[in-house]
Amino acid sequence: MVGAGGTKRAPSPNGAISPPPLKRKVEPTVTKKAMSSFFTPTSQKKPEQITWRIVKNSLIIGKYAKESGPKKESSAKPKIAAFDFDSTLVSTASGNTFPRNSSDWKWWHSSVPSRLKELEADGYQVIIVSNQKKISLKKEIKAGKGDSKSLTNFKERITAVMKQLDLPMSVYAATEDDEYRKPRSGMWNEFLDDYDFDVAGVDLSGSVFVGDAAGRPQDHSQVDRGFAANIGLPFKTPEEFFLDADPEPLVEPFNPSLYLQNDDDDAAPAPFTRQNPLELVIFCGSPGAGKSTFYWNYLEPLGYERVNQDILKSRPKCIKVAKEHLAAKKSVVVDRLEIQRSGPHSSTDFANSLLAANNSSTRVGELGIKTHIDNTNADPETRAHWIEVAKEFEVPIRCVYFSASPDLCRHNNAVRAANQDLNPESRTSLPGIAFGDFLRRFKEPALSEGLTDIVRVDFRFRGTADAKRVWSQYWI
């Protein structure tokens, strides 16, 4: 720069002259990795590390593929290490029973990751098999929306676990009370089909299933132990598998195989015979106790007319029809079965349908009002209506008492709902209210009520070998 006197100004001693502006580099919004992937032919792209799919709007399947390492080939049948998820591989970091969010988890024990990696190194295929009924799927799928919050949280938890382990593994999660829910074997069958193990076979005795629902006093159920029994895998609790703990004592478990009819039963006398030319018979037993089957096997062949409140809808109509049969000199059996749901109603709707069928003024509200459901002559007050009918016509009144336990009744309910061949009347699955109400109101029948005779029936399942195989599996 030239000064006023025409001389050039001396440069600043500290050189603090502003530099010329630099041209700013524009960073691309797409990463190089993404750009490279975009221009890479599909046939050359690496597969996604974690893939998800949903089967029948019910079963969630996730697969984690390890990025590197050759696939181990073996001619031997594969060994499977299968695990429940919650309270087996992980627990909540918050201490809550259910996770607060997707990050609310920690390893069930510090040894879990290393133990699973040892299994993979020893040639085991690791899978997770979990009941996740709190995940909502159907509403979002039907509405065409994305994943629900519950599904997103589950995926994020599973993804975090899989990435920390970095093992090739799969997860199967059942969200409905259907064929996939443990102890039923649907998830295992899907796994076998996914890997073609249904053809090649699995080393069952060398495999293992680990779960916390083992039927111990502190456990909420025995579905994990039942699942292992259904598919033929040795079973261990998390304490036994990860901590080498000794087996713990069990609550007396429900074992369906104990209720199978054997060859000696076939030679036994019929459990029911006619004693009088004209008589009134009432059934007393919980839903799922085998009343309908008993009628068709033993009373229908003897010519008893069936009075069924499911069909006639109210007790007054049932009494009217029963009187008509007795007046015509026809013996009658009063067989009160469960009211069936015709659609996907709530348990409140179902309870109200039961109440309507029994002419009750009590309604079930969303606030959980106690229900009164009249299930198959559960108490002396209900049985008294039929005792009066017998007195009016001066005929004996006999009671067939079905002694099946609540677990056995729930088992029957689940089996028939899932197996059409064992469900000739096409009855749908009943909610727990149908069993709980009967148990609350039930009083064992007694001759002192005015009954002429009481025939006790202890349930035994009869059928073909295939039917027995299906029925004797664990379903609840």
Protein backbone atom coordinates (compact mmCIF):
# COMPACT_ATOMS: atom_id res chain seq x y z
CA MET A 1 0.00 0.00 0.00
CA VAL A 2 1.33 3.49 -0.85
CA GLY A 3 1.31 6.18 1.88
CA ALA A 4 0.50 9.86 1.60
CA GLY A 5 4.14 10.72 0.81
CA GLY A 6 4.24 8.25 -1.98
CA THR A 7 6.31 5.77 -0.04
CA LYS A 8 5.29 2.15 0.59
CA ARG A 9 4.04 1.36 4.12
CA ALA A 10 6.23 -1.03 6.09
CA PRO A 11 4.77 -4.44 6.77
CA SER A 12 3.24 -5.04 10.18
CA PRO A 13 5.83 -6.45 12.57
CA ASN A 14 3.46 -9.11 13.88
CA GLY A 15 2.02 -10.03 10.53
CA ALA A 16 -1.56 -9.67 11.79
CA ILE A 17 -2.97 -8.87 8.39
CA SER A 18 -6.31 -10.72 7.71
CA PRO A 19 -5.75 -13.59 5.26
CA PRO A 20 -7.89 -13.90 2.19
CA PRO A 21 -11.14 -15.89 2.79
CA LEU A 22 -10.86 -19.60 2.25
CA LYS A 23 -13.34 -21.51 0.12
CA ARG A 24 -15.37 -23.77 2.49
CA LYS A 25 -15.42 -27.48 1.62
CA VAL A 26 -18.98 -28.79 1.25
CA GLU A 27 -19.37 -32.14 3.06
CA PRO A 28 -21.62 -34.62 1.29
CA THR A 29 -24.78 -35.67 3.16
CA VAL A 30 -24.39 -39.25 1.94
CA THR A 31 -21.56 -41.28 3.45
CA LYS A 32 -18.93 -42.88 1.25
CA LYS A 33 -20.11 -46.27 2.49
CA ALA A 34 -23.68 -45.53 1.49
CA MET A 35 -22.58 -44.08 -1.86
CA SER A 36 -20.49 -47.15 -2.55
CA SER A 37 -23.42 -49.38 -1.61
CA PHE A 38 -25.71 -47.46 -3.94
CA PHE A 39 -23.48 -48.09 -6.95
CA THR A 40 -22.66 -51.71 -5.97
CA PRO A 41 -24.64 -54.29 -7.92
CA THR A 42 -27.22 -56.11 -5.79
CA SER A 43 -25.50 -59.43 -6.39
CA GLN A 44 -22.29 -58.07 -4.83
CA LYS A 45 -23.81 -56.39 -1.77
CA LYS A 46 -23.28 -57.85 1.68
CA PRO A 47 -26.47 -59.06 3.34
CA GLU A 48 -27.94 -57.09 6.21
CA GLN A 49 -26.46 -58.19 9.53
CA ILE A 50 -29.89 -58.45 11.17
CA THR A 51 -33.05 -59.32 9.24
CA TRP A 52 -36.61 -59.48 10.51
CA ARG A 53 -39.82 -61.07 9.32
CA ILE A 54 -43.27 -61.74 10.75
CA VAL A 55 -45.20 -64.97 10.22
CA LYS A 56 -49.02 -65.06 10.27
CA ASN A 57 -49.23 -61.66 11.99
CA SER A 58 -48.09 -63.48 15.13
CA LEU A 59 -44.52 -64.80 15.15
CA ILE A 60 -41.49 -62.46 15.04
CA ILE A 61 -38.29 -63.93 13.61
CA GLY A 62 -34.93 -62.17 13.69
CA LYS A 63 -31.64 -63.51 12.30
CA TYR A 64 -28.17 -62.18 13.02
CA ALA A 65 -25.44 -62.98 10.49
CA LYS A 66 -21.83 -62.67 11.61
CA GLU A 67 -19.90 -60.40 9.21
CA SER A 68 -16.75 -62.49 8.97
CA GLY A 69 -15.60 -66.05 9.43
CA PRO A 70 -16.15 -69.13 7.31
CA LYS A 71 -19.24 -71.20 7.85
CA LYS A 72 -18.46 -74.42 9.66
CA GLU A 73 -19.50 -77.50 7.73
CA SER A 74 -20.22 -80.80 9.43
CA SER A 75 -21.80 -84.07 8.39
CA ALA A 76 -23.05 -84.69 11.94
CA LYS A 77 -26.55 -83.72 13.02
CA PRO A 78 -26.52 -80.19 14.46
CA LYS A 79 -26.65 -79.53 18.18
CA ILE A 80 -28.93 -76.71 19.31
CA ALA A 81 -28.56 -74.50 22.36
CA ALA A 82 -31.97 -72.86 22.78
CA PHE A 83 -32.75 -70.22 25.39
CA ASP A 84 -35.67 -68.30 26.74
CA PHE A 85 -34.91 -64.57 26.72
CA ASP A 86 -36.21 -62.60 29.72
CA SER A 87 -34.96 -63.83 33.12
CA THR A 88 -32.73 -66.35 31.34
CA LEU A 89 -30.28 -64.43 29.12
CA VAL A 90 -31.18 -60.94 30.31
CA SER A 91 -33.00 -59.21 33.13
CA THR A 92 -34.15 -55.61 33.54
CA ALA A 93 -31.56 -53.10 34.70
CA SER A 94 -34.33 -51.20 36.51
CA GLY A 95 -35.46 -54.21 38.52
CA ASN A 96 -38.95 -54.01 37.00
CA THR A 97 -40.70 -57.20 35.97
CA PHE A 98 -41.06 -55.81 32.44
CA PRO A 99 -38.53 -53.49 30.74
CA ARG A 100 -39.31 -49.76 30.82
CA ASN A 101 -37.73 -49.17 27.42
CA SER A 102 -35.37 -50.74 24.89
CA SER A 103 -32.27 -49.93 26.95
CA ASP A 104 -33.63 -51.35 30.21
CA TRP A 105 -31.67 -54.59 30.20
CA LYS A 106 -28.54 -56.24 31.53
CA TRP A 107 -27.12 -59.74 31.34
CA TRP A 108 -28.87 -62.18 33.65
CA HIS A 109 -25.38 -63.10 34.91
CA SER A 110 -21.95 -61.90 33.90
CA SER A 111 -21.11 -65.41 32.64
CA VAL A 112 -23.86 -65.42 29.99
CA PRO A 113 -21.92 -63.85 27.05
CA SER A 114 -18.81 -66.00 27.49
CA ARG A 115 -20.88 -69.16 27.93
CA LEU A 116 -22.80 -68.52 24.71
CA LYS A 117 -19.58 -67.88 22.82
CA GLU A 118 -18.20 -71.17 24.12
CA LEU A 119 -21.27 -72.92 22.78
CA GLU A 120 -20.82 -71.41 19.34
CA ALA A 121 -17.15 -72.39 19.35
CA ASP A 122 -18.17 -75.95 20.27
CA GLY A 123 -20.42 -76.17 17.21
CA TYR A 124 -23.79 -75.42 18.78
CA GLN A 125 -26.36 -73.32 16.94
CA VAL A 126 -27.70 -70.73 19.37
CA ILE A 127 -31.33 -69.61 19.21
CA ILE A 128 -33.70 -67.64 21.41
CA VAL A 129 -37.30 -68.88 21.84
CA SER A 130 -39.46 -66.43 23.77
CA ASN A 131 -43.10 -65.70 24.59
CA GLN A 132 -43.70 -61.96 24.09
CA LYS A 133 -47.45 -61.46 24.44
CA LYS A 134 -47.06 -57.79 25.34
CA ILE A 135 -45.91 -56.98 21.80
CA SER A 136 -48.67 -55.53 19.63
CA LEU A 137 -48.63 -56.55 15.97
CA LYS A 138 -52.04 -56.91 14.42
CA LYS A 139 -53.43 -53.38 14.77
CA GLU A 140 -50.39 -51.80 13.18
CA ILE A 141 -50.26 -54.31 10.34
CA LYS A 142 -53.96 -53.92 9.62
CA ALA A 143 -53.70 -50.14 9.56
CA GLY A 144 -50.67 -50.21 7.29
CA LYS A 145 -48.54 -48.44 9.88
CA GLY A 146 -44.95 -49.13 10.88
CA ASP A 147 -43.79 -51.06 13.89
CA SER A 148 -45.61 -50.49 17.16
CA LYS A 149 -43.66 -49.03 20.06
CA SER A 150 -43.64 -52.42 21.81
CA LEU A 151 -42.24 -54.14 18.70
CA THR A 152 -39.61 -51.42 18.20
CA ASN A 153 -38.48 -51.72 21.81
CA PHE A 154 -38.20 -55.49 21.51
CA LYS A 155 -36.21 -55.29 18.27
CA GLU A 156 -33.84 -52.75 19.77
CA ARG A 157 -33.26 -54.91 22.87
CA ILE A 158 -32.63 -58.03 20.81
CA THR A 159 -30.39 -56.12 18.40
CA ALA A 160 -28.26 -54.81 21.26
CA VAL A 161 -27.90 -58.32 22.69
CA MET A 162 -27.01 -59.87 19.34
CA LYS A 163 -24.43 -57.21 18.50
CA GLN A 164 -22.72 -57.59 21.86
CA LEU A 165 -22.54 -61.35 21.38
CA ASP A 166 -21.65 -61.16 17.67
CA LEU A 167 -22.72 -64.76 17.12
CA PRO A 168 -24.73 -66.17 14.22
CA MET A 169 -28.07 -66.72 15.93
CA SER A 170 -31.83 -66.41 15.57
CA VAL A 171 -34.71 -65.27 17.74
CA TYR A 172 -38.29 -66.53 17.63
CA ALA A 173 -40.88 -64.55 19.59
CA ALA A 174 -44.56 -65.53 19.94
CA THR A 175 -46.96 -62.61 20.41
CA GLU A 176 -50.32 -64.43 20.48
CA ASP A 177 -51.90 -67.31 22.37
CA ASP A 178 -51.70 -69.61 19.37
CA GLU A 179 -49.68 -72.49 17.91
CA TYR A 180 -46.41 -70.59 18.44
CA ARG A 181 -46.74 -69.82 22.12
CA LYS A 182 -44.70 -72.02 24.46
CA PRO A 183 -45.13 -74.73 25.60
CA ARG A 184 -46.56 -75.48 22.14
CA SER A 185 -43.96 -76.46 19.60
CA GLY A 186 -44.80 -74.01 16.78
CA MET A 187 -41.67 -71.85 17.18
CA TRP A 188 -39.43 -74.91 17.20
CA ASN A 189 -41.11 -76.27 14.07
CA GLU A 190 -40.61 -72.93 12.33
CA PHE A 191 -36.93 -72.97 13.28
CA LEU A 192 -36.49 -76.50 11.92
CA ASP A 193 -38.14 -75.47 8.66
CA ASP A 194 -36.01 -72.31 8.34
CA TYR A 195 -32.78 -74.30 8.45
CA ASP A 196 -34.07 -77.48 6.77
CA PHE A 197 -33.45 -79.37 10.00
CA ASP A 198 -36.89 -80.93 9.60
CA VAL A 199 -35.26 -82.96 6.82
CA ALA A 200 -31.68 -83.37 8.09
CA GLY A 201 -32.65 -83.88 11.73
CA VAL A 202 -31.22 -82.54 15.00
CA ASP A 203 -29.08 -84.16 17.69
CA LEU A 204 -31.80 -83.85 20.33
CA SER A 205 -29.98 -85.63 23.13
CA GLY A 206 -26.88 -83.46 22.58
CA SER A 207 -28.91 -80.24 22.53
CA VAL A 208 -30.43 -78.26 25.39
CA PHE A 209 -33.21 -75.80 26.19
CA VAL A 210 -32.71 -73.32 29.04
CA GLY A 211 -35.56 -71.35 30.60
CA ASP A 212 -36.76 -69.92 33.90
CA ALA A 213 -40.42 -71.09 33.74
CA ALA A 214 -39.60 -74.48 35.19
CA GLY A 215 -42.43 -75.23 37.63
CA ARG A 216 -40.47 -74.34 40.76
CA PRO A 217 -42.32 -72.73 43.70
CA GLN A 218 -41.13 -69.24 42.70
CA ASP A 219 -41.83 -69.68 38.97
CA HIS A 220 -44.85 -68.18 37.23
CA SER A 221 -45.42 -71.38 35.22
CA GLN A 222 -43.76 -74.48 33.80
CA VAL A 223 -44.09 -73.54 30.11
CA ASP A 224 -40.34 -73.74 29.44
CA ARG A 225 -40.04 -77.19 30.96
CA GLY A 226 -43.16 -78.26 29.06
CA PHE A 227 -41.77 -76.84 25.79
CA ALA A 228 -38.57 -78.85 26.20
CA ALA A 229 -40.59 -81.99 26.90
CA ASN A 230 -42.75 -81.43 23.80
CA ILE A 231 -39.80 -81.13 21.42
CA GLY A 232 -37.63 -83.73 23.14
CA LEU A 233 -34.76 -81.56 24.41
CA PRO A 234 -32.98 -81.91 27.77
CA PHE A 235 -34.03 -79.01 30.02
CA LYS A 236 -32.09 -76.83 32.46
CA THR A 237 -32.88 -73.71 34.45
CA PRO A 238 -30.57 -70.67 34.07
CA GLU A 239 -29.12 -71.44 37.51
CA GLU A 240 -28.32 -75.01 36.49
CA PHE A 241 -26.87 -74.09 33.10
CA PHE A 242 -24.89 -70.91 33.83
CA LEU A 243 -24.09 -71.36 37.53
CA ASP A 244 -23.86 -75.17 37.77
CA ALA A 245 -26.49 -75.13 40.52
CA ASP A 246 -28.22 -78.30 41.68
CA PRO A 247 -31.80 -78.88 40.42
CA GLU A 248 -34.44 -77.33 42.65
CA PRO A 249 -37.60 -79.06 43.91
CA LEU A 250 -40.68 -78.62 41.75
CA VAL A 251 -44.30 -77.87 42.49
CA GLU A 252 -46.25 -81.02 41.62
CA PRO A 253 -46.44 -80.41 37.87
CA PHE A 254 -49.44 -81.07 35.67
CA ASN A 255 -48.53 -84.04 33.49
CA PRO A 256 -51.07 -84.75 30.73
CA SER A 257 -49.72 -88.23 30.04
CA LEU A 258 -51.10 -89.34 33.43
CA TYR A 259 -54.64 -88.88 32.07
CA LEU A 260 -54.37 -91.16 29.05
CA GLN A 261 -56.74 -94.10 29.01
CA ASN A 262 -54.87 -97.41 29.04
CA ASP A 263 -55.82 -100.88 27.84
CA ASP A 264 -57.18 -101.87 31.26
CA ASP A 265 -59.62 -98.95 31.12
CA ASP A 266 -61.07 -100.31 27.87
CA ALA A 267 -62.05 -103.53 29.65
CA ALA A 268 -63.63 -101.72 32.63
CA PRO A 269 -67.44 -101.43 32.96
CA ALA A 270 -69.10 -98.40 31.37
CA PRO A 271 -68.92 -95.42 33.77
CA PHE A 272 -72.64 -94.72 33.32
CA THR A 273 -75.66 -97.00 32.94
CA ARG A 274 -79.38 -96.35 32.97
CA GLN A 275 -80.96 -97.27 36.32
CA ASN A 276 -84.58 -96.30 35.73
CA PRO A 277 -86.96 -96.29 32.73
CA LEU A 278 -87.44 -92.55 33.15
CA GLU A 279 -84.95 -90.27 34.91
CA LEU A 280 -83.46 -86.79 34.93
CA VAL A 281 -79.66 -86.50 34.82
CA ILE A 282 -77.73 -83.30 35.46
CA PHE A 283 -74.05 -82.75 34.73
CA CYS A 284 -71.84 -80.89 37.21
CA GLY A 285 -68.38 -79.87 36.10
CA SER A 286 -66.10 -77.12 34.90
CA PRO A 287 -65.77 -76.04 31.28
CA GLY A 288 -63.27 -78.38 29.63
CA ALA A 289 -64.00 -81.29 32.00
CA GLY A 290 -65.13 -83.61 29.20
CA LYS A 291 -68.92 -83.32 29.61
CA SER A 292 -69.80 -83.13 25.92
CA THR A 293 -67.61 -86.11 25.00
CA PHE A 294 -69.07 -88.08 27.90
CA TYR A 295 -72.61 -87.41 26.68
CA TRP A 296 -71.88 -88.55 23.13
CA ASN A 297 -70.01 -91.66 24.28
CA TYR A 298 -72.34 -92.89 27.02
CA LEU A 299 -75.72 -91.14 27.29
CA GLU A 300 -76.69 -90.42 23.70
CA PRO A 301 -76.46 -94.16 22.78
CA LEU A 302 -78.87 -94.88 25.68
CA GLY A 303 -81.48 -92.51 24.23
CA TYR A 304 -81.20 -89.58 26.65
CA GLU A 305 -82.47 -86.28 25.28
CA ARG A 306 -79.93 -83.51 25.67
CA VAL A 307 -80.95 -80.13 27.09
CA ASN A 308 -78.18 -77.67 26.38
CA GLN A 309 -78.27 -74.09 27.58
CA ASP A 310 -75.78 -73.05 24.91
CA ILE A 311 -78.53 -73.71 22.38
CA LEU A 312 -81.61 -72.68 24.37
CA LYS A 313 -79.89 -69.59 25.86
CA SER A 314 -81.74 -69.39 29.19
CA ARG A 315 -82.59 -71.60 32.14
CA PRO A 316 -86.38 -71.07 31.83
CA LYS A 317 -86.27 -72.36 28.24
CA CYS A 318 -84.14 -75.32 29.33
CA ILE A 319 -86.62 -76.20 32.09
CA LYS A 320 -89.53 -75.89 29.66
CA VAL A 321 -87.91 -78.24 27.11
CA ALA A 322 -86.87 -80.71 29.82
CA LYS A 323 -90.45 -80.89 31.11
CA GLU A 324 -91.72 -81.52 27.58
CA HIS A 325 -89.33 -84.47 27.20
CA LEU A 326 -90.26 -85.93 30.59
CA ALA A 327 -93.95 -85.54 29.80
CA ALA A 328 -93.29 -87.55 26.63
CA LYS A 329 -91.65 -90.25 28.78
CA LYS A 330 -88.14 -89.50 27.53
CA SER A 331 -85.19 -89.40 29.94
CA VAL A 332 -83.26 -86.12 29.97
CA VAL A 333 -79.66 -85.07 30.55
CA VAL A 334 -79.02 -81.40 31.33
CA ASP A 335 -75.67 -80.54 29.80
CA ARG A 336 -74.76 -76.91 30.34
CA LEU A 337 -71.72 -76.15 28.16
CA GLU A 338 -69.64 -73.02 27.73
CA ILE A 339 -70.97 -70.04 25.78
CA GLN A 340 -68.78 -69.66 22.71
CA ARG A 341 -67.42 -66.42 21.28
CA SER A 342 -68.36 -65.87 17.65
CA GLY A 343 -65.69 -63.25 17.05
CA PRO A 344 -62.68 -61.46 18.54
CA HIS A 345 -64.55 -59.98 21.51
CA SER A 346 -62.95 -58.83 24.71
CA SER A 347 -63.18 -60.86 27.88
CA THR A 348 -65.74 -58.28 29.07
CA ASP A 349 -67.96 -58.95 26.04
CA PHE A 350 -67.60 -62.67 26.60
CA ALA A 351 -68.53 -62.43 30.26
CA ASN A 352 -71.59 -60.34 29.42
CA SER A 353 -72.72 -62.93 26.86
CA LEU A 354 -72.55 -65.57 29.58
CA LEU A 355 -74.58 -63.39 31.93
CA ALA A 356 -77.22 -62.71 29.29
CA ALA A 357 -77.60 -66.44 28.70
CA ASN A 358 -78.34 -66.91 32.38
CA ASN A 359 -80.85 -64.05 32.72
CA SER A 360 -78.53 -62.19 35.07
CA SER A 361 -78.90 -58.46 35.64
CA THR A 362 -75.24 -58.12 36.60
CA ARG A 363 -73.04 -56.67 33.86
CA VAL A 364 -69.29 -56.65 33.54
CA GLY A 365 -67.78 -53.19 33.14
CA GLU A 366 -64.33 -51.97 32.33
CA LEU A 367 -63.79 -51.40 36.07
CA GLY A 368 -63.62 -55.12 36.74
CA ILE A 369 -66.98 -55.67 38.48
CA LYS A 370 -67.24 -59.19 39.90
CA THR A 371 -69.14 -61.52 37.57
CA HIS A 372 -71.69 -64.25 38.32
CA ILE A 373 -71.60 -66.85 35.55
CA ASP A 374 -73.70 -69.97 35.98
CA ASN A 375 -71.47 -72.83 34.78
CA THR A 376 -72.98 -76.31 34.66
CA ASN A 377 -74.74 -76.65 37.99
CA ALA A 378 -71.81 -75.45 40.06
CA ASP A 379 -73.69 -74.98 43.36
CA PRO A 380 -76.70 -76.32 45.32
CA GLU A 381 -78.78 -73.24 44.46
CA THR A 382 -78.50 -73.95 40.74
CA ARG A 383 -79.02 -77.69 41.12
CA ALA A 384 -82.18 -77.02 43.19
CA HIS A 385 -84.03 -75.84 40.05
CA TRP A 386 -83.61 -79.30 38.51
CA ILE A 387 -84.39 -81.14 41.73
CA GLU A 388 -87.76 -79.35 41.75
CA VAL A 389 -88.40 -80.49 38.16
CA ALA A 390 -87.67 -84.09 39.17
CA LYS A 391 -90.05 -83.82 42.13
CA GLU A 392 -92.79 -82.42 39.90
CA PHE A 393 -92.57 -85.42 37.57
CA GLU A 394 -91.77 -87.88 40.38
CA VAL A 395 -88.66 -89.19 38.66
CA PRO A 396 -85.20 -89.92 40.07
CA ILE A 397 -82.59 -87.19 39.59
CA ARG A 398 -79.02 -88.33 39.12
CA CYS A 399 -75.89 -86.17 39.01
CA VAL A 400 -72.78 -86.91 36.97
CA TYR A 401 -69.93 -85.12 38.72
CA PHE A 402 -66.84 -84.41 36.57
CA SER A 403 -63.87 -84.11 38.90
CA ALA A 404 -61.29 -82.68 36.45
CA SER A 405 -58.82 -80.21 38.00
CA PRO A 406 -58.53 -76.61 36.73
CA ASP A 407 -55.21 -77.41 35.01
CA LEU A 408 -56.74 -80.39 33.24
CA CYS A 409 -59.73 -78.32 32.10
CA ARG A 410 -57.49 -75.55 30.76
CA HIS A 411 -55.42 -78.19 28.99
CA ASN A 412 -58.51 -79.67 27.32
CA ASN A 413 -59.63 -76.19 26.33
CA ALA A 414 -56.28 -75.42 24.68
CA VAL A 415 -55.99 -78.78 22.90
CA ARG A 416 -59.42 -78.68 21.31
CA ALA A 417 -59.06 -75.03 20.21
CA ALA A 418 -55.76 -75.82 18.45
CA ASN A 419 -56.67 -79.19 16.91
CA GLN A 420 -59.75 -79.44 14.74
CA ASP A 421 -59.56 -83.26 14.68
CA LEU A 422 -60.05 -83.24 18.46
CA ASN A 423 -62.75 -80.58 18.36
CA PRO A 424 -65.83 -81.99 16.57
CA GLU A 425 -68.07 -79.21 17.88
CA SER A 426 -65.65 -76.51 16.62
CA ARG A 427 -65.43 -74.71 19.94
CA THR A 428 -63.11 -71.74 20.32
CA SER A 429 -60.70 -71.18 23.18
CA LEU A 430 -62.31 -69.92 26.38
CA PRO A 431 -60.78 -67.15 28.52
CA GLY A 432 -59.70 -67.76 32.09
CA ILE A 433 -62.90 -66.24 33.46
CA ALA A 434 -64.84 -69.32 32.34
CA PHE A 435 -62.74 -71.54 34.62
CA GLY A 436 -62.17 -69.13 37.47
CA ASP A 437 -65.86 -68.41 38.01
CA PHE A 438 -66.79 -72.08 38.19
CA LEU A 439 -64.04 -72.73 40.71
CA ARG A 440 -65.18 -69.80 42.89
CA ARG A 441 -68.80 -70.96 42.95
CA PHE A 442 -68.33 -74.72 42.93
CA LYS A 443 -69.63 -76.86 45.77
CA GLU A 444 -69.34 -80.60 45.37
CA PRO A 445 -72.78 -82.22 44.92
CA ALA A 446 -74.23 -84.20 47.85
CA LEU A 447 -77.14 -86.61 48.21
CA SER A 448 -78.49 -84.42 51.00
CA GLU A 449 -79.53 -81.87 48.36
CA GLY A 450 -82.21 -84.31 47.17
CA LEU A 451 -80.17 -86.10 44.51
CA THR A 452 -80.94 -89.79 43.98
CA ASP A 453 -77.48 -90.79 42.81
CA ILE A 454 -74.06 -89.23 42.15
CA VAL A 455 -71.76 -90.71 39.51
CA ARG A 456 -68.20 -89.42 39.78
CA VAL A 457 -66.23 -89.29 36.53
CA ASP A 458 -62.44 -89.00 36.68
CA PHE A 459 -61.29 -87.84 33.25
CA ARG A 460 -59.32 -90.16 30.97
CA PHE A 461 -58.48 -89.27 27.40
CA ARG A 462 -59.39 -91.93 24.88
CA GLY A 463 -58.51 -91.91 21.19
CA THR A 464 -56.17 -93.17 18.52
CA ALA A 465 -52.43 -93.36 19.02
CA ASP A 466 -51.98 -90.12 17.04
CA ALA A 467 -54.68 -88.37 19.06
CA LYS A 468 -53.07 -89.49 22.31
CA ARG A 469 -49.67 -88.25 21.11
CA VAL A 470 -51.10 -84.79 20.40
CA TRP A 471 -53.23 -84.62 23.55
CA SER A 472 -50.41 -85.73 25.87
CA GLN A 473 -48.16 -82.82 24.85
CA TYR A 474 -48.03 -79.72 27.05
CA TRP A 475 -50.40 -76.98 25.84
CA ILE A 476 -50.71 -74.55 28.76
